[in-house]
N, C-alpha and C. Protein backbone atom coordinates (compact mmCIF):
# COMPACT_ATOMS: atom_id res chain seq x y z
N MET A 1 2.92 17.14 7.69
CA MET A 1 3.12 16.03 6.78
C MET A 1 4.09 16.48 5.69
N THR A 2 5.07 15.66 5.44
CA THR A 2 6.09 16.02 4.47
C THR A 2 5.74 15.50 3.08
N ARG A 3 6.45 16.03 2.11
CA ARG A 3 6.27 15.55 0.74
C ARG A 3 6.66 14.09 0.63
N ASP A 4 7.71 13.70 1.36
CA ASP A 4 8.14 12.31 1.31
C ASP A 4 7.04 11.36 1.78
N ARG A 5 6.35 11.76 2.82
CA ARG A 5 5.26 10.92 3.32
C ARG A 5 4.14 10.84 2.29
N LEU A 6 3.84 11.95 1.64
CA LEU A 6 2.83 11.94 0.59
C LEU A 6 3.26 11.04 -0.57
N ARG A 7 4.53 11.10 -0.92
CA ARG A 7 5.03 10.26 -2.02
C ARG A 7 4.94 8.78 -1.70
N ARG A 8 5.05 8.44 -0.42
CA ARG A 8 5.00 7.03 -0.02
C ARG A 8 3.63 6.41 -0.31
N TYR A 9 2.61 7.22 -0.47
CA TYR A 9 1.27 6.69 -0.72
C TYR A 9 1.28 5.74 -1.92
N ARG A 10 1.86 6.21 -3.03
CA ARG A 10 1.89 5.38 -4.25
C ARG A 10 2.76 4.14 -4.06
N TRP A 11 3.89 4.30 -3.37
CA TRP A 11 4.75 3.15 -3.10
C TRP A 11 4.01 2.14 -2.23
N ASN A 12 3.27 2.64 -1.25
CA ASN A 12 2.49 1.75 -0.41
C ASN A 12 1.46 0.99 -1.23
N ALA A 13 0.79 1.69 -2.14
CA ALA A 13 -0.22 1.04 -2.98
C ALA A 13 0.41 -0.08 -3.82
N ARG A 14 1.59 0.20 -4.36
CA ARG A 14 2.29 -0.84 -5.15
C ARG A 14 2.65 -2.03 -4.27
N GLU A 15 3.15 -1.74 -3.08
CA GLU A 15 3.56 -2.83 -2.19
C GLU A 15 2.35 -3.64 -1.73
N ILE A 16 1.23 -2.99 -1.51
CA ILE A 16 0.00 -3.69 -1.12
C ILE A 16 -0.39 -4.66 -2.24
N ARG A 17 -0.31 -4.20 -3.49
CA ARG A 17 -0.62 -5.09 -4.62
C ARG A 17 0.37 -6.26 -4.69
N GLN A 18 1.66 -5.97 -4.47
CA GLN A 18 2.67 -7.02 -4.50
C GLN A 18 2.42 -8.06 -3.41
N LEU A 19 2.10 -7.59 -2.21
CA LEU A 19 1.84 -8.53 -1.11
C LEU A 19 0.61 -9.38 -1.42
N GLY A 20 -0.40 -8.79 -2.03
CA GLY A 20 -1.57 -9.56 -2.43
C GLY A 20 -1.21 -10.63 -3.44
N ALA A 21 -0.36 -10.28 -4.39
CA ALA A 21 0.08 -11.26 -5.40
C ALA A 21 0.90 -12.38 -4.74
N GLN A 22 1.74 -12.02 -3.79
CA GLN A 22 2.53 -13.04 -3.10
C GLN A 22 1.63 -13.98 -2.29
N LEU A 23 0.60 -13.42 -1.67
CA LEU A 23 -0.36 -14.26 -0.94
C LEU A 23 -1.07 -15.20 -1.90
N ASP A 24 -1.46 -14.69 -3.05
CA ASP A 24 -2.12 -15.53 -4.06
C ASP A 24 -1.20 -16.65 -4.51
N GLN A 25 0.08 -16.32 -4.72
CA GLN A 25 1.05 -17.34 -5.15
C GLN A 25 1.23 -18.40 -4.07
N LEU A 26 1.35 -17.97 -2.82
CA LEU A 26 1.47 -18.94 -1.72
C LEU A 26 0.25 -19.84 -1.65
N ARG A 27 -0.93 -19.24 -1.80
CA ARG A 27 -2.18 -20.00 -1.76
C ARG A 27 -2.20 -21.03 -2.88
N ALA A 28 -1.76 -20.63 -4.07
CA ALA A 28 -1.75 -21.56 -5.21
C ALA A 28 -0.78 -22.71 -4.96
N GLU A 29 0.39 -22.38 -4.38
CA GLU A 29 1.36 -23.44 -4.07
C GLU A 29 0.79 -24.42 -3.05
N MET A 30 0.10 -23.89 -2.06
CA MET A 30 -0.44 -24.73 -1.02
C MET A 30 -1.55 -25.63 -1.55
N LEU A 31 -2.34 -25.10 -2.46
CA LEU A 31 -3.49 -25.84 -2.96
C LEU A 31 -3.19 -26.69 -4.19
N SER A 32 -1.98 -26.57 -4.75
CA SER A 32 -1.69 -27.35 -5.95
C SER A 32 -1.61 -28.83 -5.61
N PRO A 33 -2.10 -29.67 -6.51
CA PRO A 33 -2.09 -31.10 -6.24
C PRO A 33 -0.66 -31.65 -6.23
N ARG A 34 -0.44 -32.52 -5.29
CA ARG A 34 0.86 -33.17 -5.18
C ARG A 34 0.63 -34.70 -5.25
N THR A 35 1.67 -35.45 -5.55
CA THR A 35 1.53 -36.90 -5.68
C THR A 35 1.00 -37.51 -4.39
N SER A 36 1.53 -37.06 -3.25
CA SER A 36 1.09 -37.64 -1.98
C SER A 36 -0.37 -37.32 -1.71
N GLN A 37 -0.83 -36.15 -2.18
CA GLN A 37 -2.23 -35.80 -1.99
C GLN A 37 -3.13 -36.71 -2.83
N LEU A 38 -2.67 -37.01 -4.02
CA LEU A 38 -3.49 -37.79 -4.94
C LEU A 38 -3.52 -39.26 -4.56
N THR A 39 -2.39 -39.79 -4.07
CA THR A 39 -2.33 -41.21 -3.77
C THR A 39 -2.63 -41.52 -2.32
N GLY A 40 -2.47 -40.55 -1.46
CA GLY A 40 -2.67 -40.79 -0.03
C GLY A 40 -1.48 -41.45 0.62
N ILE A 41 -0.42 -41.67 -0.15
CA ILE A 41 0.80 -42.29 0.38
C ILE A 41 1.74 -41.19 0.82
N PRO A 42 2.17 -41.22 2.08
CA PRO A 42 3.09 -40.18 2.53
C PRO A 42 4.43 -40.29 1.81
N PRO A 43 5.09 -39.16 1.55
CA PRO A 43 6.37 -39.20 0.88
C PRO A 43 7.41 -39.92 1.74
N ALA A 44 8.35 -40.57 1.07
CA ALA A 44 9.38 -41.34 1.77
C ALA A 44 10.32 -40.43 2.54
N GLY A 45 10.71 -40.91 3.74
CA GLY A 45 11.73 -40.22 4.52
C GLY A 45 11.30 -38.90 5.15
N THR A 46 10.00 -38.68 5.32
CA THR A 46 9.57 -37.41 5.90
C THR A 46 9.34 -37.51 7.39
N GLY A 47 9.32 -38.73 7.93
CA GLY A 47 9.09 -38.89 9.35
C GLY A 47 7.72 -38.38 9.78
N GLY A 48 6.74 -38.48 8.90
CA GLY A 48 5.38 -38.07 9.24
C GLY A 48 5.11 -36.60 8.97
N ASP A 49 6.15 -35.83 8.63
CA ASP A 49 5.98 -34.39 8.36
C ASP A 49 5.90 -34.22 6.85
N SER A 50 4.69 -34.27 6.31
CA SER A 50 4.53 -34.29 4.87
C SER A 50 4.80 -32.93 4.24
N GLU A 51 5.02 -32.98 2.96
CA GLU A 51 5.24 -31.76 2.18
C GLU A 51 4.03 -30.85 2.25
N VAL A 52 2.85 -31.43 2.28
CA VAL A 52 1.62 -30.65 2.35
C VAL A 52 1.54 -29.92 3.69
N GLU A 53 1.86 -30.63 4.78
CA GLU A 53 1.84 -30.00 6.10
C GLU A 53 2.81 -28.84 6.16
N ARG A 54 4.01 -29.04 5.63
CA ARG A 54 5.01 -27.96 5.62
C ARG A 54 4.53 -26.78 4.80
N ALA A 55 3.87 -27.05 3.67
CA ALA A 55 3.35 -25.97 2.83
C ALA A 55 2.26 -25.19 3.56
N VAL A 56 1.41 -25.90 4.28
CA VAL A 56 0.33 -25.24 5.02
C VAL A 56 0.92 -24.37 6.13
N ILE A 57 1.89 -24.88 6.85
CA ILE A 57 2.54 -24.11 7.93
C ILE A 57 3.25 -22.90 7.35
N ARG A 58 3.96 -23.10 6.25
CA ARG A 58 4.66 -21.98 5.60
C ARG A 58 3.66 -20.92 5.14
N TYR A 59 2.58 -21.39 4.53
CA TYR A 59 1.56 -20.46 4.07
C TYR A 59 0.98 -19.66 5.24
N ALA A 60 0.65 -20.32 6.31
CA ALA A 60 0.06 -19.64 7.47
C ALA A 60 1.02 -18.59 8.03
N ASP A 61 2.30 -18.94 8.14
CA ASP A 61 3.29 -17.98 8.65
C ASP A 61 3.43 -16.78 7.71
N MET A 62 3.56 -17.06 6.42
CA MET A 62 3.72 -15.97 5.45
C MET A 62 2.45 -15.14 5.34
N GLU A 63 1.30 -15.79 5.40
CA GLU A 63 0.05 -15.05 5.33
C GLU A 63 -0.06 -14.08 6.50
N ALA A 64 0.31 -14.52 7.69
CA ALA A 64 0.26 -13.64 8.86
C ALA A 64 1.23 -12.46 8.68
N LEU A 65 2.43 -12.74 8.18
CA LEU A 65 3.41 -11.68 7.96
C LEU A 65 2.91 -10.67 6.92
N TYR A 66 2.45 -11.17 5.78
CA TYR A 66 1.98 -10.29 4.72
C TYR A 66 0.74 -9.51 5.15
N THR A 67 -0.12 -10.15 5.93
CA THR A 67 -1.32 -9.47 6.41
C THR A 67 -0.95 -8.32 7.33
N ARG A 68 0.03 -8.53 8.21
CA ARG A 68 0.49 -7.45 9.10
C ARG A 68 1.10 -6.31 8.30
N LYS A 69 1.91 -6.66 7.29
CA LYS A 69 2.54 -5.62 6.46
C LYS A 69 1.48 -4.82 5.71
N ARG A 70 0.51 -5.51 5.12
CA ARG A 70 -0.56 -4.82 4.38
C ARG A 70 -1.35 -3.91 5.30
N ALA A 71 -1.63 -4.37 6.50
CA ALA A 71 -2.40 -3.56 7.46
C ALA A 71 -1.64 -2.28 7.80
N ALA A 72 -0.33 -2.38 7.99
CA ALA A 72 0.48 -1.19 8.30
C ALA A 72 0.49 -0.22 7.13
N LEU A 73 0.61 -0.74 5.92
CA LEU A 73 0.62 0.12 4.73
C LEU A 73 -0.74 0.79 4.53
N LEU A 74 -1.81 0.05 4.73
CA LEU A 74 -3.14 0.63 4.61
C LEU A 74 -3.39 1.69 5.68
N GLU A 75 -2.85 1.45 6.85
CA GLU A 75 -2.96 2.44 7.93
C GLU A 75 -2.27 3.75 7.55
N GLU A 76 -1.11 3.64 6.94
CA GLU A 76 -0.38 4.83 6.49
C GLU A 76 -1.17 5.56 5.41
N GLN A 77 -1.75 4.83 4.47
CA GLN A 77 -2.56 5.46 3.44
C GLN A 77 -3.77 6.16 4.04
N GLU A 78 -4.39 5.53 5.01
CA GLU A 78 -5.54 6.14 5.67
C GLU A 78 -5.14 7.42 6.39
N ALA A 79 -3.98 7.41 7.05
CA ALA A 79 -3.49 8.60 7.75
C ALA A 79 -3.28 9.76 6.76
N ILE A 80 -2.75 9.44 5.58
CA ILE A 80 -2.53 10.47 4.56
C ILE A 80 -3.88 11.02 4.09
N GLU A 81 -4.82 10.14 3.81
CA GLU A 81 -6.15 10.58 3.36
C GLU A 81 -6.81 11.46 4.42
N LEU A 82 -6.73 11.06 5.67
CA LEU A 82 -7.33 11.85 6.74
C LEU A 82 -6.63 13.20 6.92
N ALA A 83 -5.32 13.22 6.68
CA ALA A 83 -4.57 14.47 6.83
C ALA A 83 -4.94 15.49 5.76
N ILE A 84 -5.17 15.02 4.53
CA ILE A 84 -5.48 15.99 3.46
C ILE A 84 -6.96 16.34 3.40
N GLU A 85 -7.80 15.57 4.08
CA GLU A 85 -9.25 15.80 4.02
C GLU A 85 -9.67 17.20 4.45
N PRO A 86 -9.11 17.78 5.52
CA PRO A 86 -9.59 19.11 5.94
C PRO A 86 -9.12 20.27 5.05
N LEU A 87 -8.23 20.01 4.11
CA LEU A 87 -7.73 21.06 3.24
C LEU A 87 -8.83 21.56 2.30
N PRO A 88 -8.71 22.80 1.86
CA PRO A 88 -9.66 23.29 0.85
C PRO A 88 -9.58 22.45 -0.42
N SER A 89 -10.65 22.43 -1.16
CA SER A 89 -10.76 21.57 -2.33
C SER A 89 -9.61 21.71 -3.33
N PRO A 90 -9.20 22.92 -3.73
CA PRO A 90 -8.12 22.98 -4.72
C PRO A 90 -6.83 22.31 -4.23
N GLU A 91 -6.47 22.58 -2.98
CA GLU A 91 -5.25 21.99 -2.43
C GLU A 91 -5.38 20.47 -2.34
N ARG A 92 -6.52 20.02 -1.87
CA ARG A 92 -6.75 18.58 -1.74
C ARG A 92 -6.68 17.90 -3.11
N GLN A 93 -7.30 18.51 -4.12
CA GLN A 93 -7.28 17.94 -5.47
C GLN A 93 -5.86 17.87 -6.03
N ILE A 94 -5.10 18.92 -5.79
CA ILE A 94 -3.72 18.96 -6.29
C ILE A 94 -2.88 17.88 -5.63
N LEU A 95 -2.97 17.76 -4.31
CA LEU A 95 -2.20 16.73 -3.61
C LEU A 95 -2.62 15.33 -4.05
N ARG A 96 -3.90 15.12 -4.16
CA ARG A 96 -4.39 13.80 -4.56
C ARG A 96 -3.94 13.48 -6.00
N ALA A 97 -4.06 14.44 -6.90
CA ALA A 97 -3.68 14.20 -8.30
C ALA A 97 -2.20 13.88 -8.43
N HIS A 98 -1.35 14.66 -7.73
CA HIS A 98 0.09 14.46 -7.89
C HIS A 98 0.61 13.28 -7.09
N TYR A 99 0.30 13.23 -5.81
CA TYR A 99 0.91 12.23 -4.94
C TYR A 99 0.18 10.90 -4.94
N ILE A 100 -1.12 10.90 -5.07
CA ILE A 100 -1.88 9.66 -4.98
C ILE A 100 -2.11 9.05 -6.36
N GLU A 101 -2.53 9.89 -7.31
CA GLU A 101 -2.77 9.38 -8.66
C GLU A 101 -1.48 9.32 -9.49
N GLY A 102 -0.45 10.07 -9.07
CA GLY A 102 0.83 10.01 -9.75
C GLY A 102 0.92 10.85 -11.02
N LEU A 103 0.06 11.86 -11.14
CA LEU A 103 0.10 12.70 -12.33
C LEU A 103 1.33 13.62 -12.28
N THR A 104 1.86 13.94 -13.45
CA THR A 104 2.95 14.91 -13.53
C THR A 104 2.38 16.29 -13.21
N TRP A 105 3.27 17.25 -12.95
CA TRP A 105 2.78 18.60 -12.63
C TRP A 105 2.01 19.20 -13.81
N GLU A 106 2.44 18.90 -15.01
CA GLU A 106 1.71 19.40 -16.18
C GLU A 106 0.29 18.83 -16.22
N GLN A 107 0.17 17.54 -15.94
CA GLN A 107 -1.14 16.90 -15.93
C GLN A 107 -2.00 17.45 -14.79
N VAL A 108 -1.38 17.72 -13.66
CA VAL A 108 -2.13 18.29 -12.53
C VAL A 108 -2.70 19.65 -12.93
N CYS A 109 -1.87 20.48 -13.58
CA CYS A 109 -2.34 21.81 -14.01
C CYS A 109 -3.56 21.70 -14.92
N VAL A 110 -3.51 20.77 -15.85
CA VAL A 110 -4.64 20.58 -16.77
C VAL A 110 -5.85 20.07 -16.00
N THR A 111 -5.64 19.12 -15.10
CA THR A 111 -6.75 18.53 -14.34
C THR A 111 -7.48 19.56 -13.50
N VAL A 112 -6.73 20.41 -12.79
CA VAL A 112 -7.38 21.39 -11.90
C VAL A 112 -7.71 22.69 -12.62
N GLY A 113 -7.17 22.87 -13.80
CA GLY A 113 -7.47 24.07 -14.59
C GLY A 113 -6.74 25.32 -14.12
N TYR A 114 -5.58 25.14 -13.51
CA TYR A 114 -4.78 26.26 -13.04
C TYR A 114 -3.50 26.35 -13.86
N SER A 115 -2.91 27.54 -13.83
CA SER A 115 -1.60 27.71 -14.45
C SER A 115 -0.55 27.00 -13.59
N TRP A 116 0.63 26.86 -14.15
CA TRP A 116 1.75 26.25 -13.43
C TRP A 116 1.98 26.99 -12.11
N ARG A 117 2.04 28.30 -12.17
CA ARG A 117 2.31 29.12 -10.98
C ARG A 117 1.20 28.95 -9.93
N GLN A 118 -0.06 29.01 -10.37
CA GLN A 118 -1.18 28.86 -9.43
C GLN A 118 -1.16 27.47 -8.78
N THR A 119 -0.89 26.48 -9.58
CA THR A 119 -0.84 25.11 -9.06
C THR A 119 0.21 24.98 -7.99
N HIS A 120 1.40 25.51 -8.25
CA HIS A 120 2.48 25.39 -7.27
C HIS A 120 2.24 26.27 -6.05
N ARG A 121 1.55 27.37 -6.23
CA ARG A 121 1.19 28.21 -5.08
C ARG A 121 0.23 27.44 -4.17
N HIS A 122 -0.78 26.82 -4.77
CA HIS A 122 -1.73 26.02 -3.99
C HIS A 122 -1.02 24.83 -3.34
N HIS A 123 -0.10 24.23 -4.06
CA HIS A 123 0.64 23.09 -3.52
C HIS A 123 1.45 23.53 -2.29
N ALA A 124 2.17 24.62 -2.41
CA ALA A 124 2.98 25.11 -1.29
C ALA A 124 2.08 25.44 -0.09
N ARG A 125 0.94 26.04 -0.35
CA ARG A 125 0.00 26.36 0.73
C ARG A 125 -0.49 25.08 1.40
N ALA A 126 -0.79 24.07 0.61
CA ALA A 126 -1.27 22.80 1.17
C ALA A 126 -0.21 22.15 2.05
N ILE A 127 1.04 22.17 1.59
CA ILE A 127 2.13 21.58 2.38
C ILE A 127 2.28 22.34 3.69
N ARG A 128 2.23 23.67 3.65
CA ARG A 128 2.33 24.46 4.89
C ARG A 128 1.19 24.13 5.84
N GLN A 129 -0.02 23.99 5.30
CA GLN A 129 -1.18 23.66 6.13
C GLN A 129 -1.03 22.28 6.77
N LEU A 130 -0.54 21.32 5.99
CA LEU A 130 -0.34 19.98 6.53
C LEU A 130 0.72 19.97 7.63
N GLU A 131 1.80 20.71 7.40
CA GLU A 131 2.85 20.80 8.42
C GLU A 131 2.32 21.46 9.68
N ALA A 132 1.50 22.51 9.54
CA ALA A 132 0.91 23.19 10.70
C ALA A 132 -0.03 22.25 11.45
N LEU A 133 -0.85 21.51 10.72
CA LEU A 133 -1.76 20.56 11.36
C LEU A 133 -0.98 19.46 12.10
N GLU A 134 0.10 19.02 11.51
CA GLU A 134 0.93 18.00 12.14
C GLU A 134 1.55 18.52 13.44
N ARG A 135 2.03 19.77 13.40
CA ARG A 135 2.59 20.39 14.61
C ARG A 135 1.53 20.51 15.70
N GLU A 136 0.33 20.91 15.32
CA GLU A 136 -0.78 21.02 16.29
C GLU A 136 -1.10 19.68 16.93
N ASN A 137 -1.11 18.64 16.11
CA ASN A 137 -1.42 17.30 16.63
C ASN A 137 -0.34 16.77 17.55
N MET A 138 0.90 17.19 17.32
CA MET A 138 2.01 16.75 18.16
C MET A 138 2.01 17.47 19.51
N ALA A 139 1.47 18.69 19.50
CA ALA A 139 1.50 19.49 20.75
C ALA A 139 0.46 19.05 21.74
């Protein structure tokens, strides 16, 4: 597992939140009252294809798209969590603090109680272990 893949965890989390917000916005648009909904009179010139029907179809299509995207992002996050799980506690804590929680290296050092050098030594060891595990899984 590369550092880039670990870094994607936070980006994935942000995108998952964004997709959730977009779904909420679509849902609000679909459920907002419209004149035709209130009066029961279909809008002029629609040929029977009302604005509400179009909104429902659009929502269903977008919901399916966003749901697939969220599922893929969550799958990637789960793969990262499963990959770091077998690591020893110090390495796992360092990776989680820096890549998942987004702490700076200084904050990571304070959190785990190690010096800068010790923290980076554990980090390098964790990356080597992840790369070795990835090679084993590919073989």
